[in-house]
């Protein structure tokens, strides 16, 4: 399960909206071995594309260090789908680097953004519940 505060969920959605018309992306941090999101680190999409995303490697390193300084680790990545549902594309699955990570997709297809989270292990997609705390 992924647990995220309303404030962090709102920050994530806002970053995704600001990225339009391209996909937006960022990293999730929290206590190791949990699905508790303590912070997000919005990053630039180096692909500058509405179809794919690439997290800036320098921003990834800065986020990793900032998370560590706060007593956390990187636990996942988020990105937006601008015109499709919040479900991993074949490209998303191919790019899934870590089987312990949470892969969050924010769909901007409909009027109300949808947030869904997945685990991707050896190409197998499993959706996990998302609990937004504070709503």
N, C-alpha and C. Protein backbone atom coordinates (compact mmCIF):
# COMPACT_ATOMS: atom_id res chain seq x y z
N UNK A 1 0.84 -1.19 0.00
CA UNK A 1 0.00 0.00 0.00
C UNK A 1 0.88 1.24 0.00
N UNK A 2 0.45 2.25 -0.73
CA UNK A 2 1.10 3.55 -0.75
C UNK A 2 0.27 4.50 0.11
N UNK A 3 0.93 5.14 1.07
CA UNK A 3 0.25 6.12 1.92
C UNK A 3 0.88 7.49 1.67
N UNK A 4 0.01 8.47 1.39
CA UNK A 4 0.48 9.80 1.01
C UNK A 4 -0.45 10.85 1.61
N UNK A 5 0.11 11.93 2.10
CA UNK A 5 -0.72 13.00 2.66
C UNK A 5 -1.42 13.76 1.55
N UNK A 6 -2.50 14.42 1.91
CA UNK A 6 -3.21 15.25 0.96
C UNK A 6 -2.29 16.33 0.40
N UNK A 7 -1.48 16.94 1.27
CA UNK A 7 -0.59 18.01 0.83
C UNK A 7 0.41 17.51 -0.21
N UNK A 8 1.00 16.34 0.02
CA UNK A 8 1.98 15.80 -0.93
C UNK A 8 1.28 15.36 -2.21
N UNK A 9 0.10 14.76 -2.10
CA UNK A 9 -0.66 14.38 -3.30
C UNK A 9 -0.99 15.62 -4.13
N UNK A 10 -1.40 16.70 -3.47
CA UNK A 10 -1.71 17.94 -4.18
C UNK A 10 -0.47 18.52 -4.86
N UNK A 11 0.68 18.45 -4.18
CA UNK A 11 1.94 18.93 -4.76
C UNK A 11 2.32 18.12 -6.00
N UNK A 12 2.11 16.81 -5.92
CA UNK A 12 2.43 15.94 -7.05
C UNK A 12 1.53 16.26 -8.25
N UNK A 13 0.24 16.39 -8.02
CA UNK A 13 -0.70 16.72 -9.09
C UNK A 13 -0.38 18.09 -9.68
N UNK A 14 -0.06 19.06 -8.83
CA UNK A 14 0.28 20.40 -9.32
C UNK A 14 1.51 20.35 -10.23
N UNK A 15 2.52 19.59 -9.84
CA UNK A 15 3.72 19.46 -10.68
C UNK A 15 3.36 18.83 -12.03
N UNK A 16 2.48 17.84 -12.00
CA UNK A 16 2.07 17.19 -13.25
C UNK A 16 1.30 18.16 -14.14
N UNK A 17 0.44 18.97 -13.57
CA UNK A 17 -0.30 19.95 -14.35
C UNK A 17 0.63 21.01 -14.95
N UNK A 18 1.64 21.41 -14.18
CA UNK A 18 2.59 22.40 -14.68
C UNK A 18 3.43 21.86 -15.83
N UNK A 19 3.57 20.54 -15.91
CA UNK A 19 4.35 19.94 -16.96
C UNK A 19 3.67 19.86 -18.30
N UNK A 20 2.35 20.08 -18.32
CA UNK A 20 1.61 19.98 -19.58
C UNK A 20 2.18 20.92 -20.63
N UNK A 21 2.23 20.56 -21.88
CA UNK A 21 1.58 19.39 -22.49
C UNK A 21 2.41 18.10 -22.38
N UNK A 22 3.61 18.19 -21.78
CA UNK A 22 4.46 17.01 -21.65
C UNK A 22 4.14 16.25 -20.37
N UNK A 23 4.64 15.01 -20.30
CA UNK A 23 4.58 14.27 -19.06
C UNK A 23 5.50 14.95 -18.07
N UNK A 24 5.13 14.89 -16.81
CA UNK A 24 5.96 15.40 -15.72
C UNK A 24 6.40 14.21 -14.89
N UNK A 25 7.45 14.40 -14.09
CA UNK A 25 7.94 13.29 -13.29
C UNK A 25 8.62 13.78 -12.02
N UNK A 26 8.89 12.85 -11.14
CA UNK A 26 9.58 13.15 -9.89
C UNK A 26 9.79 11.88 -9.09
N UNK A 27 10.42 12.05 -7.96
CA UNK A 27 10.78 10.90 -7.12
C UNK A 27 10.06 10.96 -5.78
N UNK A 28 9.83 9.79 -5.20
CA UNK A 28 9.16 9.66 -3.91
C UNK A 28 10.17 9.22 -2.87
N UNK A 29 10.07 9.78 -1.66
CA UNK A 29 10.96 9.37 -0.58
C UNK A 29 10.14 9.04 0.66
N UNK A 30 10.67 8.12 1.45
CA UNK A 30 10.02 7.74 2.70
C UNK A 30 10.92 6.78 3.46
N UNK A 31 10.44 6.31 4.60
CA UNK A 31 11.22 5.35 5.37
C UNK A 31 11.45 4.07 4.55
N UNK A 32 12.64 3.52 4.64
CA UNK A 32 12.98 2.32 3.88
C UNK A 32 12.03 1.17 4.19
N UNK A 33 11.62 0.46 3.16
CA UNK A 33 10.78 -0.71 3.32
C UNK A 33 9.31 -0.42 3.55
N UNK A 34 8.91 0.85 3.34
CA UNK A 34 7.51 1.20 3.56
C UNK A 34 6.92 1.80 2.29
N UNK A 35 5.64 2.03 2.33
CA UNK A 35 4.96 2.75 1.27
C UNK A 35 4.52 4.11 1.75
N UNK A 36 5.16 4.59 2.83
CA UNK A 36 4.81 5.89 3.40
C UNK A 36 5.61 6.99 2.72
N UNK A 37 4.94 7.84 1.98
CA UNK A 37 5.62 8.92 1.26
C UNK A 37 5.80 10.10 2.21
N UNK A 38 7.06 10.40 2.53
CA UNK A 38 7.37 11.52 3.42
C UNK A 38 7.64 12.80 2.64
N UNK A 39 8.09 12.65 1.38
CA UNK A 39 8.41 13.82 0.55
C UNK A 39 8.43 13.40 -0.91
N UNK A 40 8.22 14.38 -1.77
CA UNK A 40 8.44 14.15 -3.21
C UNK A 40 9.49 15.14 -3.68
N UNK A 41 10.16 14.76 -4.75
CA UNK A 41 11.17 15.60 -5.37
C UNK A 41 10.81 15.73 -6.86
N UNK A 42 10.05 16.79 -7.21
CA UNK A 42 9.71 17.00 -8.61
C UNK A 42 10.99 17.21 -9.43
N UNK A 43 11.02 16.66 -10.62
CA UNK A 43 12.18 16.80 -11.49
C UNK A 43 11.72 17.23 -12.88
N UNK A 44 12.68 17.66 -13.67
CA UNK A 44 12.40 17.95 -15.07
C UNK A 44 12.29 16.64 -15.84
N UNK A 45 11.47 16.65 -16.86
CA UNK A 45 11.38 15.53 -17.79
C UNK A 45 12.35 15.82 -18.94
N UNK A 46 13.52 15.19 -18.89
CA UNK A 46 14.52 15.47 -19.91
C UNK A 46 14.07 15.04 -21.30
N UNK A 47 13.11 14.10 -21.38
CA UNK A 47 12.60 13.67 -22.68
C UNK A 47 11.75 14.76 -23.33
N UNK A 48 11.21 15.68 -22.52
CA UNK A 48 10.35 16.76 -23.02
C UNK A 48 9.32 16.21 -24.01
N UNK A 49 8.56 15.21 -23.54
CA UNK A 49 7.64 14.47 -24.40
C UNK A 49 6.30 14.27 -23.70
N UNK A 50 5.25 14.20 -24.48
CA UNK A 50 3.93 13.87 -23.95
C UNK A 50 3.72 12.37 -23.89
N UNK A 51 4.72 11.59 -24.34
CA UNK A 51 4.57 10.13 -24.39
C UNK A 51 5.50 9.38 -23.45
N UNK A 52 6.64 9.96 -23.10
CA UNK A 52 7.61 9.29 -22.22
C UNK A 52 8.22 10.31 -21.28
N UNK A 53 8.88 9.79 -20.24
CA UNK A 53 9.58 10.68 -19.31
C UNK A 53 10.97 10.14 -19.04
N UNK A 54 11.87 11.06 -18.72
CA UNK A 54 13.22 10.73 -18.28
C UNK A 54 13.56 11.64 -17.12
N UNK A 55 13.79 11.04 -15.95
CA UNK A 55 14.18 11.82 -14.78
C UNK A 55 15.62 12.30 -14.98
N UNK A 56 15.84 13.57 -14.71
CA UNK A 56 17.18 14.16 -14.80
C UNK A 56 18.10 13.45 -13.81
N UNK A 57 19.18 12.83 -14.28
CA UNK A 57 20.08 12.10 -13.37
C UNK A 57 20.68 12.97 -12.26
N UNK A 58 20.95 14.23 -12.55
CA UNK A 58 21.47 15.12 -11.50
C UNK A 58 20.42 15.40 -10.44
N UNK A 59 19.17 15.57 -10.88
CA UNK A 59 18.07 15.77 -9.92
C UNK A 59 17.85 14.50 -9.10
N UNK A 60 18.04 13.35 -9.73
CA UNK A 60 17.91 12.06 -9.03
C UNK A 60 18.96 11.99 -7.91
N UNK A 61 20.18 12.36 -8.21
CA UNK A 61 21.25 12.34 -7.21
C UNK A 61 20.96 13.32 -6.08
N UNK A 62 20.50 14.53 -6.44
CA UNK A 62 20.15 15.52 -5.40
C UNK A 62 19.01 15.02 -4.52
N UNK A 63 18.01 14.38 -5.12
CA UNK A 63 16.88 13.85 -4.35
C UNK A 63 17.34 12.73 -3.43
N UNK A 64 18.21 11.87 -3.93
CA UNK A 64 18.74 10.77 -3.12
C UNK A 64 19.46 11.32 -1.89
N UNK A 65 20.28 12.33 -2.09
CA UNK A 65 21.02 12.94 -0.97
C UNK A 65 20.09 13.66 0.00
N UNK A 66 19.10 14.38 -0.52
CA UNK A 66 18.15 15.10 0.34
C UNK A 66 17.32 14.11 1.16
N UNK A 67 16.89 13.03 0.53
CA UNK A 67 16.13 12.00 1.25
C UNK A 67 16.98 11.42 2.37
N UNK A 68 18.22 11.09 2.06
CA UNK A 68 19.12 10.52 3.07
C UNK A 68 19.33 11.50 4.22
N UNK A 69 19.51 12.78 3.90
CA UNK A 69 19.68 13.79 4.95
C UNK A 69 18.47 13.88 5.87
N UNK A 70 17.29 13.55 5.33
CA UNK A 70 16.05 13.60 6.12
C UNK A 70 15.75 12.25 6.79
N UNK A 71 16.66 11.28 6.65
CA UNK A 71 16.45 9.98 7.26
C UNK A 71 15.58 9.05 6.45
N UNK A 72 15.44 9.34 5.15
CA UNK A 72 14.60 8.54 4.27
C UNK A 72 15.44 7.96 3.14
N UNK A 73 14.77 7.22 2.26
CA UNK A 73 15.37 6.70 1.04
C UNK A 73 14.38 6.95 -0.10
N UNK A 74 14.87 6.87 -1.32
CA UNK A 74 13.95 6.94 -2.45
C UNK A 74 13.18 5.63 -2.53
N UNK A 75 11.85 5.75 -2.57
CA UNK A 75 11.00 4.55 -2.58
C UNK A 75 10.19 4.42 -3.87
N UNK A 76 10.37 5.37 -4.79
CA UNK A 76 9.62 5.26 -6.02
C UNK A 76 9.72 6.48 -6.90
N UNK A 77 8.93 6.43 -7.95
CA UNK A 77 8.90 7.49 -8.95
C UNK A 77 7.44 7.76 -9.31
N UNK A 78 7.16 9.02 -9.68
CA UNK A 78 5.83 9.33 -10.20
C UNK A 78 5.99 10.01 -11.54
N UNK A 79 4.97 9.85 -12.36
CA UNK A 79 4.92 10.59 -13.62
C UNK A 79 3.47 10.70 -14.06
N UNK A 80 3.25 11.60 -15.00
CA UNK A 80 1.88 11.80 -15.47
C UNK A 80 1.66 11.14 -16.81
N UNK A 81 0.40 10.79 -17.03
CA UNK A 81 -0.09 10.41 -18.36
C UNK A 81 -1.03 11.53 -18.76
N UNK A 82 -0.72 12.18 -19.85
CA UNK A 82 -1.47 13.38 -20.22
C UNK A 82 -2.82 13.08 -20.88
N UNK A 83 -2.91 11.94 -21.57
CA UNK A 83 -4.14 11.64 -22.31
C UNK A 83 -4.64 10.22 -22.12
N UNK A 84 -4.04 9.46 -21.23
CA UNK A 84 -4.44 8.07 -21.04
C UNK A 84 -4.67 7.80 -19.56
N UNK A 85 -5.22 6.63 -19.29
CA UNK A 85 -5.50 6.27 -17.91
C UNK A 85 -4.21 6.09 -17.11
N UNK A 86 -4.36 6.05 -15.80
CA UNK A 86 -3.23 5.85 -14.90
C UNK A 86 -2.92 4.35 -14.82
N UNK A 87 -2.25 3.85 -15.85
CA UNK A 87 -1.85 2.44 -15.90
C UNK A 87 -0.53 2.37 -16.67
N UNK A 88 0.42 1.56 -16.19
CA UNK A 88 1.74 1.53 -16.84
C UNK A 88 1.68 1.11 -18.31
N UNK A 89 2.34 1.90 -19.13
CA UNK A 89 2.48 1.57 -20.56
C UNK A 89 3.61 0.56 -20.70
N UNK A 90 3.73 -0.06 -21.86
CA UNK A 90 4.88 -0.96 -22.08
C UNK A 90 6.22 -0.25 -21.85
N UNK A 91 6.31 1.02 -22.21
CA UNK A 91 7.53 1.79 -21.96
C UNK A 91 7.77 1.95 -20.47
N UNK A 92 6.71 2.24 -19.72
CA UNK A 92 6.84 2.37 -18.26
C UNK A 92 7.37 1.08 -17.65
N UNK A 93 6.84 -0.05 -18.11
CA UNK A 93 7.27 -1.35 -17.58
C UNK A 93 8.74 -1.59 -17.93
N UNK A 94 9.12 -1.29 -19.15
CA UNK A 94 10.51 -1.50 -19.58
C UNK A 94 11.48 -0.61 -18.80
N UNK A 95 11.02 0.56 -18.36
CA UNK A 95 11.87 1.50 -17.65
C UNK A 95 11.87 1.28 -16.14
N UNK A 96 11.11 0.36 -15.62
CA UNK A 96 10.98 0.15 -14.17
C UNK A 96 12.29 -0.42 -13.61
N UNK A 97 13.12 0.42 -12.98
CA UNK A 97 14.46 -0.02 -12.61
C UNK A 97 14.57 -0.83 -11.31
N UNK A 98 13.61 -0.71 -10.44
CA UNK A 98 13.79 -1.29 -9.10
C UNK A 98 12.52 -2.01 -8.66
N UNK A 99 12.60 -3.31 -8.40
CA UNK A 99 11.40 -4.06 -8.00
C UNK A 99 10.86 -3.68 -6.63
N UNK A 100 11.63 -2.93 -5.83
CA UNK A 100 11.13 -2.51 -4.52
C UNK A 100 10.40 -1.18 -4.58
N UNK A 101 10.48 -0.50 -5.72
CA UNK A 101 9.89 0.84 -5.83
C UNK A 101 8.39 0.81 -6.06
N UNK A 102 7.77 1.93 -5.72
CA UNK A 102 6.37 2.20 -6.02
C UNK A 102 6.36 3.07 -7.27
N UNK A 103 5.56 2.68 -8.26
CA UNK A 103 5.46 3.41 -9.53
C UNK A 103 4.09 4.09 -9.57
N UNK A 104 4.09 5.39 -9.37
CA UNK A 104 2.86 6.16 -9.27
C UNK A 104 2.61 6.87 -10.59
N UNK A 105 1.38 6.77 -11.06
CA UNK A 105 0.98 7.45 -12.29
C UNK A 105 -0.19 8.37 -11.97
N UNK A 106 -0.05 9.60 -12.42
CA UNK A 106 -1.11 10.60 -12.28
C UNK A 106 -1.72 10.80 -13.67
N UNK A 107 -2.96 10.39 -13.84
CA UNK A 107 -3.63 10.59 -15.13
C UNK A 107 -4.31 11.94 -15.14
N UNK A 108 -4.03 12.69 -16.21
CA UNK A 108 -4.65 14.00 -16.41
C UNK A 108 -5.69 13.95 -17.51
N UNK A 109 -6.10 12.74 -17.88
CA UNK A 109 -7.04 12.55 -18.99
C UNK A 109 -8.40 13.15 -18.69
N UNK A 110 -8.87 13.00 -17.48
CA UNK A 110 -10.22 13.45 -17.10
C UNK A 110 -10.15 14.76 -16.32
N UNK A 111 -11.31 15.34 -16.03
CA UNK A 111 -11.36 16.60 -15.29
C UNK A 111 -10.66 16.51 -13.93
N UNK A 112 -10.88 15.41 -13.22
CA UNK A 112 -10.24 15.22 -11.92
C UNK A 112 -9.05 14.27 -12.11
N UNK A 113 -7.84 14.71 -11.76
CA UNK A 113 -6.68 13.83 -11.89
C UNK A 113 -6.86 12.56 -11.06
N UNK A 114 -6.36 11.45 -11.58
CA UNK A 114 -6.43 10.16 -10.90
C UNK A 114 -5.01 9.72 -10.53
N UNK A 115 -4.83 9.29 -9.28
CA UNK A 115 -3.54 8.81 -8.80
C UNK A 115 -3.65 7.32 -8.52
N UNK A 116 -2.78 6.54 -9.18
CA UNK A 116 -2.74 5.09 -8.94
C UNK A 116 -1.28 4.68 -8.76
N UNK A 117 -1.07 3.60 -8.00
CA UNK A 117 0.29 3.13 -7.74
C UNK A 117 0.41 1.66 -8.09
N UNK A 118 1.60 1.30 -8.56
CA UNK A 118 1.84 -0.06 -9.03
C UNK A 118 3.20 -0.54 -8.54
N UNK A 119 3.32 -1.85 -8.42
CA UNK A 119 4.62 -2.50 -8.25
C UNK A 119 4.87 -3.20 -9.58
N UNK A 120 6.09 -3.12 -10.06
CA UNK A 120 6.46 -3.75 -11.33
C UNK A 120 7.69 -4.61 -11.07
N UNK A 121 7.49 -5.91 -11.14
CA UNK A 121 8.56 -6.86 -10.85
C UNK A 121 8.69 -7.81 -12.02
N UNK A 122 9.86 -7.77 -12.65
CA UNK A 122 10.15 -8.61 -13.81
C UNK A 122 9.05 -8.53 -14.87
N UNK A 123 8.59 -7.31 -15.11
CA UNK A 123 7.58 -7.08 -16.13
C UNK A 123 6.15 -7.31 -15.70
N UNK A 124 5.95 -7.83 -14.50
CA UNK A 124 4.59 -8.09 -14.01
C UNK A 124 4.09 -6.88 -13.23
N UNK A 125 2.91 -6.40 -13.60
CA UNK A 125 2.31 -5.21 -13.00
C UNK A 125 1.29 -5.63 -11.95
N UNK A 126 1.42 -5.08 -10.75
CA UNK A 126 0.45 -5.31 -9.69
C UNK A 126 0.04 -3.97 -9.12
N UNK A 127 -1.25 -3.67 -9.17
CA UNK A 127 -1.71 -2.42 -8.59
C UNK A 127 -1.77 -2.55 -7.08
N UNK A 128 -1.43 -1.46 -6.40
CA UNK A 128 -1.53 -1.43 -4.94
C UNK A 128 -2.47 -0.31 -4.54
N UNK A 129 -3.06 -0.44 -3.38
CA UNK A 129 -3.98 0.59 -2.89
C UNK A 129 -3.21 1.87 -2.59
N UNK A 130 -3.87 3.00 -2.81
CA UNK A 130 -3.32 4.32 -2.46
C UNK A 130 -4.23 4.91 -1.38
N UNK A 131 -3.64 5.20 -0.22
CA UNK A 131 -4.39 5.83 0.87
C UNK A 131 -3.92 7.27 0.97
N UNK A 132 -4.84 8.20 0.68
CA UNK A 132 -4.53 9.62 0.84
C UNK A 132 -4.98 10.03 2.23
N UNK A 133 -4.03 10.41 3.05
CA UNK A 133 -4.29 10.73 4.46
C UNK A 133 -4.62 12.19 4.60
N UNK A 134 -5.72 12.46 5.26
CA UNK A 134 -6.11 13.84 5.48
C UNK A 134 -7.30 14.28 4.66
N UNK A 135 -7.87 13.37 3.91
CA UNK A 135 -9.05 13.70 3.11
C UNK A 135 -10.28 13.28 3.85
